[in-house]
Amino acid sequence: MKIKLPFFILIFIFSNSLFSQNTIGLLENTNEAYDGYTLFTPESSNSVYLVDNCGRSINTWTFSDTPKFTCYLLENGNLLRVGATGVEIRDWDDNLVWSYNLLISNGITQHHDIEPLPNGNILYLVKETLTEAQQIALGKNPALLNGPLSSEKIIEIQPVGTNAINIVWEWRFADHLIQDFDSTKSNYGAVSTNPQLIDFNYTDASIDHSNWLHLNSIDYNAQLDQILFSSRTLSEIYIIDHSTTTAEAASHSGGNQNKGGDFLWRWGNPQVYRQGTAAQQKLYAQHDAKWISQNYVNENKITVFNNNSDGSNTFSSIHIISPSLDLNNDYMLESNSFLPADYFWSWSGDILGETVYENKKSGVHALENGNLLLCETKKGRLSEISQNGDIVWMYRNPVGETIFNQFATNAEIFESNSIFRGEKYHKSYPAFSGKDLTPGEILENVNSLSETCSTLSITDVQSIDTNITFNNPVTDQTVSFYKPLEATKIKVYNNLGQLIYTKSTFSGNELKLPHLKQGLYFIEFIKQGTKQLEKMVIK
């Protein structure tokens, strides 16, 4: 079978001797990295950056204020970002398309995350304040009161014109409470038999009852028409039905699942609904829960960044979770706890010899090929991790209030270059259609890895019917093939993409390359109009 590959193949080169000197910008790049453009917004800068795998600038947008906190590249090429006081949409050329001052115009206190919808609307996480009197009326134990309560709601807005909105849908936590403290107050019932509701009096030593929920991410699944969000304080993630009306969202019936705005699924800490023990808790102060996109490896599963991985305050981890659905598309429980019982996939470990541990913010973004893009907020670092747990690409934000020198020390840039998240988009993403994607300069002043990052263009590349394999790394300057080759043309390129060797026709199982020194090369096989390109390390 002949498999058509993209029109061009990007080959990324790095030198370990140079790598040890780098502190920002491109830190590592291998040919296992996902071939795309990475979007990130520094927390202390008004600008948003799109870079390629070599760390070169593809585009930059400049907004009116610093972020709060995330941004999204829309399919039409526009960039959506919430700032400290409002929200803006800018086109590819950085022209302002639409803006709305949330605080001044409507008293909306948006925080942490937003989510663009396919219809052009936007979901917002919004703070909602409940007075102590309102809390007591809803069944709060007075012993837990700590002044006004910062509760949460989700609103869906429709951008109108260039500077207005319509609020078209709303969901409130306060409409989905359960309490067994006071039978004379609202929401009285049995907590353990109502997992679709939130225990208004749940508490542990870490909970501040003035900031009871602390939502930090929101995501949308168009196929299911459902919303996923994360509560740092309760160490749970939740799914609700978006197909409801606002009235149904405030009730316990209606929508596709006929459960109104009640939780369809929750996961991470079953103790919150009085099921299981501490041994069953899986999430601790997590962030950035998201569905994996359709047609991606592990599609429709959920990724999450687990800040305090096992509750020990010593390391963080990233996970893939696979919820279980029955034939009616209801999320399944076992022993009164929502499934699954454990993670589908997990990673925790070291990066550059240091244990990954982020006690706030941070995130993880699934890529089409199964790799995961890990964001460490305080370090401003993005690391792409393969399903095997290997670090295949790494980039550290070089931008704070100013551009840092590439060789700045950690002490000089610590948290000054923080980023809330990063996302990587494939080069076929619709936003890039018809755009000038010519790589520009790197953001920092110098980066030796970016300078040696090369592009090798091969037109109309196809793979050979039977893939050619050989012992790699190559020893004794001899390429030993697993199966003998017949009448195959061979080309060898150096780490700058320059052609340094050609063999017009080769047959046999050993190819001598005595003139090549130790290092990284690329070897191309051509036979009957098809081509195969492989990385080759010579020891």
Protein backbone atom coordinates (compact mmCIF):
# COMPACT_ATOMS: atom_id res chain seq x y z
CA MET A 1 0.00 0.00 0.00
CA LYS A 2 1.30 3.44 -0.89
CA ILE A 3 0.57 6.09 1.73
CA LYS A 4 0.53 9.69 0.63
CA LEU A 5 2.42 11.95 3.02
CA PRO A 6 2.19 15.77 3.26
CA PHE A 7 3.66 17.96 0.53
CA PHE A 8 6.61 18.78 2.74
CA ILE A 9 8.28 17.21 5.71
CA LEU A 10 9.80 19.35 8.44
CA ILE A 11 12.92 17.96 10.00
CA PHE A 12 14.01 19.41 13.32
CA ILE A 13 17.58 19.28 14.49
CA PHE A 14 19.09 19.81 17.91
CA SER A 15 22.53 19.52 19.50
CA ASN A 16 22.93 18.30 23.06
CA SER A 17 26.04 20.41 23.50
CA LEU A 18 24.07 23.54 22.63
CA PHE A 19 20.94 22.41 24.47
CA SER A 20 22.64 22.66 27.85
CA GLN A 21 23.18 26.40 27.31
CA ASN A 22 19.60 27.33 26.47
CA THR A 23 17.23 28.69 29.09
CA ILE A 24 14.36 30.12 27.00
CA GLY A 25 12.88 29.71 23.54
CA LEU A 26 13.37 26.36 21.79
CA LEU A 27 14.90 23.84 24.19
CA GLU A 28 14.32 20.55 22.39
CA ASN A 29 12.98 19.44 19.02
CA THR A 30 12.78 15.95 17.54
CA ASN A 31 11.11 14.51 14.47
CA GLU A 32 8.55 12.83 16.78
CA ALA A 33 7.13 16.28 17.58
CA TYR A 34 3.68 17.09 16.22
CA ASP A 35 4.02 19.22 13.09
CA GLY A 36 2.08 22.36 13.96
CA TYR A 37 2.02 25.91 15.27
CA THR A 38 1.93 26.67 19.00
CA LEU A 39 -0.20 29.48 20.44
CA PHE A 40 0.49 31.01 23.86
CA THR A 41 -0.24 34.23 25.74
CA PRO A 42 2.26 35.43 28.37
CA GLU A 43 0.49 36.48 31.56
CA SER A 44 2.44 39.72 31.95
CA SER A 45 2.29 40.81 28.31
CA ASN A 46 -0.51 42.20 26.12
CA SER A 47 0.68 40.11 23.18
CA VAL A 48 -0.23 36.63 21.94
CA TYR A 49 2.28 34.62 19.94
CA LEU A 50 2.11 31.84 17.36
CA VAL A 51 5.40 30.02 16.72
CA ASP A 52 6.49 27.06 14.66
CA ASN A 53 8.38 24.02 15.94
CA CYS A 54 11.65 25.89 15.46
CA GLY A 55 10.48 28.71 17.75
CA ARG A 56 10.15 31.16 14.85
CA SER A 57 7.35 33.69 14.87
CA ILE A 58 4.41 32.95 12.58
CA ASN A 59 2.09 35.69 13.88
CA THR A 60 1.65 38.10 16.79
CA TRP A 61 -1.42 39.88 18.11
CA THR A 62 -1.44 42.76 20.61
CA PHE A 63 -4.46 43.31 22.85
CA SER A 64 -5.59 46.17 25.03
CA ASP A 65 -4.54 44.64 28.37
CA THR A 66 -3.00 41.57 29.97
CA PRO A 67 -4.89 38.27 29.75
CA LYS A 68 -7.36 36.68 32.12
CA PHE A 69 -6.24 34.12 31.13
CA THR A 70 -6.60 32.11 27.93
CA CYS A 71 -7.06 32.66 24.20
CA TYR A 72 -8.35 30.67 21.22
CA LEU A 73 -7.51 30.76 17.53
CA LEU A 74 -10.84 30.48 15.72
CA GLU A 75 -11.28 28.58 12.47
CA ASN A 76 -11.78 31.81 10.51
CA GLY A 77 -8.31 33.03 11.54
CA ASN A 78 -9.54 35.44 14.23
CA LEU A 79 -8.11 35.35 17.75
CA LEU A 80 -10.42 35.44 20.79
CA ARG A 81 -8.97 36.51 24.12
CA VAL A 82 -10.30 37.71 27.47
CA GLY A 83 -8.34 40.46 29.18
CA ALA A 84 -8.38 41.86 32.71
CA THR A 85 -11.48 43.97 32.04
CA GLY A 86 -13.00 42.79 28.78
CA VAL A 87 -12.92 40.48 25.80
CA GLU A 88 -11.67 41.12 22.27
CA ILE A 89 -11.63 39.41 18.90
CA ARG A 90 -8.85 40.41 16.49
CA ASP A 91 -8.37 39.24 12.94
CA TRP A 92 -5.22 37.61 11.57
CA ASP A 93 -3.74 41.04 10.82
CA ASP A 94 -4.37 42.24 14.42
CA ASN A 95 -7.31 44.48 13.53
CA LEU A 96 -9.95 44.77 16.25
CA VAL A 97 -13.15 43.04 15.09
CA TRP A 98 -15.24 43.02 18.27
CA SER A 99 -14.79 43.95 21.93
CA TYR A 100 -16.88 44.11 25.07
CA ASN A 101 -16.00 45.51 28.49
CA LEU A 102 -17.49 42.90 30.79
CA LEU A 103 -17.07 44.69 34.12
CA ILE A 104 -18.19 48.18 33.17
CA SER A 105 -20.95 47.27 30.73
CA ASN A 106 -22.67 44.43 32.56
CA GLY A 107 -20.98 43.72 35.87
CA ILE A 108 -19.88 40.28 34.63
CA THR A 109 -16.89 38.96 36.57
CA GLN A 110 -15.39 36.48 34.16
CA HIS A 111 -12.36 34.49 35.32
CA HIS A 112 -9.89 31.82 34.20
CA ASP A 113 -11.46 30.40 31.06
CA ILE A 114 -13.85 30.84 28.17
CA GLU A 115 -14.92 28.46 25.41
CA PRO A 116 -15.84 29.43 21.83
CA LEU A 117 -18.81 27.51 20.41
CA PRO A 118 -19.33 26.38 16.80
CA ASN A 119 -22.21 28.85 16.38
CA GLY A 120 -19.97 31.83 17.20
CA ASN A 121 -21.20 32.22 20.79
CA ILE A 122 -18.87 32.05 23.80
CA LEU A 123 -19.20 30.24 27.14
CA TYR A 124 -17.90 32.11 30.20
CA LEU A 125 -17.02 31.09 33.74
CA VAL A 126 -18.54 33.85 35.88
CA LYS A 127 -18.40 34.56 39.61
CA GLU A 128 -21.69 34.94 41.47
CA THR A 129 -21.78 36.34 45.02
CA LEU A 130 -24.17 34.89 47.62
CA THR A 131 -24.67 36.76 50.89
CA GLU A 132 -24.63 34.90 54.20
CA ALA A 133 -28.42 35.26 54.42
CA GLN A 134 -28.80 33.73 50.95
CA GLN A 135 -26.47 30.87 51.88
CA ILE A 136 -28.47 30.05 55.02
CA ALA A 137 -31.71 30.10 53.04
CA LEU A 138 -30.14 27.55 50.66
CA GLY A 139 -29.25 25.25 53.56
CA LYS A 140 -25.73 26.27 54.49
CA ASN A 141 -24.51 25.27 57.95
CA PRO A 142 -23.94 28.64 59.72
CA ALA A 143 -20.77 27.22 61.28
CA LEU A 144 -19.23 27.12 57.80
CA LEU A 145 -20.03 30.73 56.87
CA ASN A 146 -17.08 32.95 56.03
CA GLY A 147 -18.73 36.08 54.70
CA PRO A 148 -20.09 36.43 51.16
CA LEU A 149 -19.66 33.28 49.08
CA SER A 150 -18.01 33.39 45.68
CA SER A 151 -20.26 30.91 43.86
CA GLU A 152 -20.15 30.18 40.13
CA LYS A 153 -22.31 30.25 37.06
CA ILE A 154 -21.83 29.70 33.34
CA ILE A 155 -23.24 32.09 30.78
CA GLU A 156 -23.36 31.87 27.01
CA ILE A 157 -23.01 35.17 25.20
CA GLN A 158 -23.67 36.05 21.59
CA PRO A 159 -21.37 38.78 20.22
CA VAL A 160 -23.42 41.54 18.57
CA GLY A 161 -22.05 44.16 16.20
CA THR A 162 -18.62 45.43 17.20
CA ASN A 163 -19.11 46.05 20.94
CA ALA A 164 -22.30 44.44 22.33
CA ILE A 165 -23.60 41.07 23.52
CA ASN A 166 -26.76 39.07 24.13
CA ILE A 167 -26.80 36.61 27.03
CA VAL A 168 -28.60 33.62 25.52
CA TRP A 169 -28.16 30.89 28.15
CA GLU A 170 -27.23 30.51 31.82
CA TRP A 171 -26.48 27.75 34.33
CA ARG A 172 -25.94 28.27 38.10
CA PHE A 173 -24.35 26.06 40.76
CA ALA A 174 -26.87 27.48 43.25
CA ASP A 175 -29.69 25.72 41.37
CA HIS A 176 -28.18 22.26 41.92
CA LEU A 177 -27.52 21.97 45.64
CA ILE A 178 -28.29 19.24 48.16
CA GLN A 179 -28.02 19.53 51.96
CA ASP A 180 -29.00 17.40 54.93
CA PHE A 181 -28.28 19.97 57.65
CA ASP A 182 -31.63 21.77 57.98
CA SER A 183 -34.94 20.23 56.89
CA THR A 184 -36.63 23.64 57.08
CA LYS A 185 -34.41 25.11 54.36
CA SER A 186 -34.21 24.63 50.62
CA ASN A 187 -32.45 21.68 48.98
CA TYR A 188 -32.95 19.26 51.88
CA GLY A 189 -32.34 15.61 51.02
CA ALA A 190 -29.92 12.67 51.18
CA VAL A 191 -26.51 13.61 49.83
CA SER A 192 -25.33 10.06 49.21
CA THR A 193 -28.26 9.19 46.94
CA ASN A 194 -28.16 12.39 44.89
CA PRO A 195 -24.79 12.39 43.08
CA GLN A 196 -26.31 14.66 40.41
CA LEU A 197 -26.29 17.52 42.99
CA ILE A 198 -23.56 19.26 44.99
CA ASP A 199 -23.38 18.96 48.78
CA PHE A 200 -23.63 22.58 49.94
CA ASN A 201 -22.01 21.72 53.26
CA TYR A 202 -19.15 19.55 52.06
CA THR A 203 -15.95 20.65 53.75
CA ASP A 204 -12.41 19.60 54.47
CA ALA A 205 -9.40 21.31 55.98
CA SER A 206 -8.40 22.94 52.70
CA ILE A 207 -11.73 24.57 51.81
CA ASP A 208 -12.27 28.31 52.23
CA HIS A 209 -16.03 28.77 52.32
CA SER A 210 -15.78 32.23 50.85
CA ASN A 211 -14.33 30.67 47.67
CA TRP A 212 -16.09 27.35 47.79
CA LEU A 213 -15.82 26.14 44.18
CA HIS A 214 -13.05 27.95 42.30
CA LEU A 215 -13.82 26.77 38.76
CA ASN A 216 -10.77 27.01 36.51
CA SER A 217 -11.60 25.52 33.08
CA ILE A 218 -14.50 24.99 30.72
CA ASP A 219 -14.82 22.93 27.55
CA TYR A 220 -17.55 21.99 25.08
CA ASN A 221 -18.30 18.78 23.17
CA ALA A 222 -20.35 19.60 20.06
CA GLN A 223 -21.09 15.96 19.31
CA LEU A 224 -22.69 15.45 22.74
CA ASP A 225 -23.82 19.08 23.24
CA GLN A 226 -22.35 18.89 26.74
CA ILE A 227 -20.14 21.13 28.88
CA LEU A 228 -17.16 20.00 30.97
CA PHE A 229 -15.72 22.13 33.80
CA SER A 230 -13.30 21.79 36.69
CA SER A 231 -13.47 22.77 40.39
CA ARG A 232 -10.04 23.17 41.96
CA THR A 233 -11.38 23.41 45.52
CA LEU A 234 -13.51 20.27 45.42
CA SER A 235 -11.02 18.33 43.26
CA GLU A 236 -13.76 17.27 40.85
CA ILE A 237 -14.61 17.69 37.19
CA TYR A 238 -18.24 17.82 35.99
CA ILE A 239 -20.31 17.37 32.84
CA ILE A 240 -23.69 19.06 32.30
CA ASP A 241 -26.19 19.13 29.42
CA HIS A 242 -26.02 22.20 27.19
CA SER A 243 -29.12 21.28 25.17
CA THR A 244 -31.38 22.73 27.88
CA THR A 245 -33.11 26.08 27.91
CA THR A 246 -32.09 28.47 30.68
CA ALA A 247 -35.24 27.51 32.59
CA GLU A 248 -34.47 23.80 32.19
CA ALA A 249 -30.85 24.41 33.21
CA ALA A 250 -32.16 25.73 36.54
CA SER A 251 -34.28 22.61 37.03
CA HIS A 252 -33.84 18.84 37.26
CA SER A 253 -35.49 17.85 33.96
CA GLY A 254 -35.35 18.74 30.28
CA GLY A 255 -32.61 18.61 27.66
CA ASN A 256 -31.31 15.64 25.70
CA GLN A 257 -30.74 13.59 28.85
CA ASN A 258 -33.90 14.88 30.58
CA LYS A 259 -31.87 15.82 33.67
CA GLY A 260 -32.05 19.56 33.34
CA GLY A 261 -28.93 21.22 34.67
CA ASP A 262 -28.01 18.44 37.09
CA PHE A 263 -24.62 16.78 36.76
CA LEU A 264 -24.54 14.04 34.13
CA TRP A 265 -21.11 12.93 35.35
CA ARG A 266 -18.58 13.94 37.97
CA TRP A 267 -15.16 12.51 38.70
CA GLY A 268 -12.07 12.90 40.83
CA ASN A 269 -13.23 12.93 44.44
CA PRO A 270 -16.34 10.79 45.23
CA GLN A 271 -16.08 11.79 48.88
CA VAL A 272 -17.76 15.06 47.89
CA TYR A 273 -20.98 13.11 47.29
CA ARG A 274 -20.26 10.72 50.19
CA GLN A 275 -19.11 7.76 48.19
CA GLY A 276 -15.80 6.00 48.58
CA THR A 277 -12.91 6.93 50.81
CA ALA A 278 -9.72 8.95 50.49
CA ALA A 279 -8.25 5.95 48.65
CA GLN A 280 -10.69 6.57 45.76
CA GLN A 281 -9.74 10.24 45.33
CA LYS A 282 -7.92 10.67 42.02
CA LEU A 283 -7.72 14.43 41.48
CA TYR A 284 -6.20 17.10 43.71
CA ALA A 285 -6.61 20.80 42.82
CA GLN A 286 -6.61 19.94 39.08
CA HIS A 287 -6.83 22.29 36.08
CA ASP A 288 -7.67 22.30 32.38
CA ALA A 289 -10.10 19.42 31.93
CA LYS A 290 -10.83 19.01 28.19
CA TRP A 291 -12.28 16.48 25.78
CA ILE A 292 -9.91 15.09 23.18
CA SER A 293 -11.12 16.17 19.75
CA GLN A 294 -12.84 13.82 17.33
CA ASN A 295 -10.55 11.93 14.93
CA TYR A 296 -7.63 12.35 17.34
CA VAL A 297 -5.94 9.43 19.06
CA ASN A 298 -8.09 8.72 22.16
CA GLU A 299 -10.94 10.87 20.82
CA ASN A 300 -13.73 11.84 23.25
CA LYS A 301 -11.68 10.88 26.27
CA ILE A 302 -10.78 13.63 28.76
CA THR A 303 -7.39 15.12 29.60
CA VAL A 304 -6.60 16.91 32.85
CA PHE A 305 -3.60 18.43 34.62
CA ASN A 306 -3.48 17.09 38.19
CA ASN A 307 -1.59 19.75 40.14
CA ASN A 308 -1.16 17.93 43.46
CA SER A 309 -1.05 14.50 41.98
CA ASP A 310 -1.55 12.28 45.02
CA GLY A 311 -2.23 14.88 47.70
CA SER A 312 1.38 14.88 48.90
CA ASN A 313 2.29 18.31 47.47
CA THR A 314 5.38 16.83 45.84
CA PHE A 315 4.60 16.34 42.14
CA SER A 316 2.08 16.97 39.37
CA SER A 317 0.80 14.61 36.69
CA ILE A 318 -1.24 14.57 33.50
CA HIS A 319 -4.01 12.07 32.85
CA ILE A 320 -6.39 10.74 30.23
CA ILE A 321 -9.78 9.66 31.61
CA SER A 322 -12.30 7.50 29.77
CA PRO A 323 -15.90 7.96 31.05
CA SER A 324 -18.24 5.00 30.59
CA LEU A 325 -21.60 5.42 28.79
CA ASP A 326 -24.45 2.91 28.66
CA LEU A 327 -26.72 2.23 25.67
CA ASN A 328 -28.85 5.28 26.56
CA ASN A 329 -25.75 7.51 26.61
CA ASP A 330 -26.04 7.87 30.38
CA TYR A 331 -22.77 7.98 32.32
CA MET A 332 -22.33 4.80 34.31
CA LEU A 333 -21.82 4.33 38.04
CA GLU A 334 -20.50 1.37 40.00
CA SER A 335 -21.11 1.06 43.76
CA ASN A 336 -22.73 4.52 43.55
CA SER A 337 -19.54 6.14 42.19
CA PHE A 338 -19.12 7.39 38.62
CA LEU A 339 -16.82 5.35 36.40
CA PRO A 340 -14.05 4.85 35.51
CA ALA A 341 -12.40 3.58 38.66
CA ASP A 342 -8.98 4.79 37.51
CA TYR A 343 -7.15 6.71 34.82
CA PHE A 344 -6.87 5.46 31.25
CA TRP A 345 -3.30 6.86 30.93
CA SER A 346 -1.01 8.88 33.17
CA TRP A 347 2.37 10.59 33.11
CA SER A 348 4.46 12.14 35.85
CA GLY A 349 8.17 12.60 35.91
CA ASP A 350 11.15 14.88 35.46
CA ILE A 351 11.91 17.54 32.90
CA LEU A 352 15.52 18.67 32.68
CA GLY A 353 16.26 16.70 35.83
CA GLU A 354 13.59 18.41 37.94
CA THR A 355 10.32 16.84 39.11
CA VAL A 356 7.31 18.47 37.46
CA TYR A 357 5.30 20.15 40.20
CA GLU A 358 2.99 23.12 39.63
CA ASN A 359 0.73 24.00 42.54
CA LYS A 360 -1.47 26.37 40.53
CA LYS A 361 -2.80 26.88 37.00
CA SER A 362 -1.00 24.86 34.23
CA GLY A 363 -2.62 22.50 31.74
CA VAL A 364 -2.43 19.77 29.12
CA HIS A 365 -3.55 19.78 25.48
CA ALA A 366 -4.05 16.59 23.42
CA LEU A 367 -2.65 16.51 19.89
CA GLU A 368 -3.92 14.57 16.90
CA ASN A 369 -1.08 12.03 16.91
CA GLY A 370 -1.59 11.10 20.56
CA ASN A 371 1.11 13.36 21.98
CA LEU A 372 0.22 15.70 24.84
CA LEU A 373 1.36 19.31 25.25
CA LEU A 374 2.12 19.97 28.93
CA CYS A 375 2.11 23.56 30.20
CA GLU A 376 3.96 24.49 33.40
CA THR A 377 2.61 27.93 34.23
CA LYS A 378 5.27 29.25 36.62
CA LYS A 379 8.12 28.20 34.36
CA GLY A 380 6.37 29.40 31.22
CA ARG A 381 7.35 26.07 29.68
CA LEU A 382 5.60 23.88 27.11
CA SER A 383 6.72 20.26 26.76
CA GLU A 384 5.31 17.82 24.22
CA ILE A 385 5.14 14.29 25.58
CA SER A 386 4.62 11.15 23.52
CA GLN A 387 2.37 8.27 24.61
CA ASN A 388 5.59 6.49 25.59
CA GLY A 389 6.40 9.28 28.02
CA ASP A 390 9.26 10.77 25.97
CA ILE A 391 9.80 14.54 25.75
CA VAL A 392 9.81 15.22 21.99
CA TRP A 393 9.58 19.04 21.90
CA MET A 394 10.15 21.77 24.47
CA TYR A 395 9.74 25.54 24.37
CA ARG A 396 10.05 28.09 27.17
CA ASN A 397 8.30 31.44 26.81
CA PRO A 398 10.94 34.16 26.32
CA VAL A 399 8.50 37.02 26.98
CA GLY A 400 7.56 38.78 30.21
CA GLU A 401 7.03 42.51 30.42
CA THR A 402 10.07 42.58 28.12
CA ILE A 403 11.93 40.03 26.00
CA PHE A 404 14.42 38.05 28.07
CA ASN A 405 17.98 37.33 27.08
CA GLN A 406 18.28 33.73 26.00
CA PHE A 407 20.85 32.96 28.68
CA ALA A 408 18.91 34.57 31.54
CA THR A 409 19.01 32.56 34.74
CA ASN A 410 15.95 30.93 36.29
CA ALA A 411 16.16 33.40 39.15
CA GLU A 412 15.90 36.31 36.71
CA ILE A 413 12.84 35.02 34.86
CA PHE A 414 11.07 32.86 37.46
CA GLU A 415 7.28 33.40 37.08
CA SER A 416 7.92 36.60 35.10
CA ASN A 417 7.42 34.58 31.90
CA SER A 418 4.42 32.57 33.15
CA ILE A 419 1.76 31.35 30.72
CA PHE A 420 -1.67 30.00 31.61
CA ARG A 421 -1.74 27.44 28.80
CA GLY A 422 -0.51 26.64 25.34
CA GLU A 423 -2.23 25.01 22.38
CA LYS A 424 -0.80 23.48 19.23
CA TYR A 425 -2.68 23.58 15.93
CA HIS A 426 -1.98 21.39 12.92
CA LYS A 427 -0.89 23.20 9.79
CA SER A 428 -4.09 22.08 8.05
CA TYR A 429 -6.24 23.90 10.65
CA PRO A 430 -8.72 26.09 8.73
CA ALA A 431 -7.46 29.30 10.38
CA PHE A 432 -4.25 29.05 8.34
CA SER A 433 -5.90 28.74 4.93
CA GLY A 434 -4.74 31.54 2.64
CA LYS A 435 -2.53 33.13 5.32
CA ASP A 436 1.11 34.10 4.98
CA LEU A 437 2.85 31.52 7.17
CA THR A 438 6.42 32.42 6.27
CA PRO A 439 8.48 31.98 9.45
CA GLY A 440 9.89 35.18 10.90
CA GLU A 441 12.50 35.74 13.58
CA ILE A 442 12.60 34.04 16.96
CA LEU A 443 11.21 36.07 19.87
CA GLU A 444 14.35 36.03 22.02
CA ASN A 445 17.60 37.67 20.93
CA VAL A 446 19.38 34.44 19.97
CA ASN A 447 18.82 30.69 20.07
CA SER A 448 21.38 28.31 18.66
CA LEU A 449 18.83 25.49 18.42
CA SER A 450 16.46 27.58 16.33
CA GLU A 451 19.35 28.60 14.09
CA THR A 452 20.10 24.97 13.25
CA CYS A 453 16.45 24.00 12.91
CA SER A 454 16.08 23.29 9.20
CA THR A 455 13.40 22.56 6.68
CA LEU A 456 13.91 19.90 4.05
CA SER A 457 11.30 20.11 1.28
CA ILE A 458 10.44 16.99 -0.71
CA THR A 459 7.66 17.23 -3.25
CA ASP A 460 5.08 14.51 -3.66
CA VAL A 461 6.60 12.21 -1.05
CA GLN A 462 5.16 8.73 -0.70
CA SER A 463 6.17 5.80 1.45
CA ILE A 464 7.53 2.65 -0.13
CA ASP A 465 5.22 -0.38 -0.06
CA THR A 466 7.42 -2.18 2.47
CA ASN A 467 9.05 0.33 4.83
CA ILE A 468 12.83 0.17 4.85
CA THR A 469 14.27 -0.41 8.30
CA PHE A 470 17.86 -0.49 9.50
CA ASN A 471 19.92 -0.58 12.68
CA ASN A 472 19.80 2.90 14.19
CA PRO A 473 22.03 4.36 15.61
CA VAL A 474 24.51 3.40 12.89
CA THR A 475 27.85 1.98 14.06
CA ASP A 476 31.12 1.52 12.17
CA GLN A 477 29.80 3.98 9.56
CA THR A 478 27.80 1.10 8.08
CA VAL A 479 24.03 1.17 7.54
CA SER A 480 22.79 -2.41 8.12
CA PHE A 481 19.34 -3.08 6.64
CA TYR A 482 16.97 -5.64 8.12
CA LYS A 483 16.06 -6.78 4.59
CA PRO A 484 18.28 -6.39 1.52
CA LEU A 485 17.43 -3.46 -0.76
CA GLU A 486 17.04 -3.82 -4.51
CA ALA A 487 17.68 -1.06 -7.08
CA THR A 488 17.05 1.76 -4.62
CA LYS A 489 18.36 5.32 -4.95
CA ILE A 490 19.74 6.72 -1.68
CA LYS A 491 20.35 10.32 -0.61
CA VAL A 492 21.85 11.51 2.69
CA TYR A 493 21.32 15.02 4.12
CA ASN A 494 23.21 16.70 6.93
CA ASN A 495 21.56 18.46 9.89
CA LEU A 496 21.10 21.62 7.82
CA GLY A 497 19.09 19.79 5.19
CA GLN A 498 21.97 19.91 2.70
CA LEU A 499 22.48 16.98 0.34
CA ILE A 500 25.89 15.43 1.08
CA TYR A 501 25.70 11.96 -0.47
CA THR A 502 23.91 10.29 -3.39
CA LYS A 503 23.89 6.68 -4.53
CA SER A 504 22.00 6.41 -7.83
CA THR A 505 21.23 2.72 -7.38
CA PHE A 506 21.94 0.44 -4.47
CA SER A 507 21.29 -3.24 -3.83
CA GLY A 508 22.34 -5.16 -0.74
CA ASN A 509 22.00 -5.15 3.02
CA GLU A 510 24.97 -2.96 4.04
CA LEU A 511 25.79 0.59 2.92
CA LYS A 512 29.22 2.00 3.79
CA LEU A 513 29.40 5.74 4.62
CA PRO A 514 33.06 6.13 5.70
CA HIS A 515 33.19 9.89 5.13
CA LEU A 516 30.44 10.75 7.67
CA LYS A 517 31.36 11.90 11.18
CA GLN A 518 29.34 11.26 14.33
CA GLY A 519 26.05 13.15 14.40
CA LEU A 520 22.48 13.36 13.18
CA TYR A 521 21.64 12.86 9.49
CA PHE A 522 18.65 12.10 7.29
CA ILE A 523 18.59 9.29 4.77
CA GLU A 524 16.14 9.17 1.85
CA PHE A 525 15.21 6.05 -0.14
CA ILE A 526 13.72 6.42 -3.64
CA LYS A 527 12.28 3.56 -5.63
CA GLN A 528 9.77 3.49 -8.50
CA GLY A 529 8.62 7.05 -7.83
CA THR A 530 8.09 6.59 -4.10
CA LYS A 531 10.20 8.08 -1.32
CA GLN A 532 10.88 7.36 2.34
CA LEU A 533 12.80 9.65 4.68
CA GLU A 534 14.28 8.58 8.03
CA LYS A 535 16.37 10.15 10.78
CA MET A 536 19.77 8.49 11.11
CA VAL A 537 22.23 8.82 14.00
CA ILE A 538 25.86 7.89 13.35
CA LYS A 539 27.91 6.95 16.39
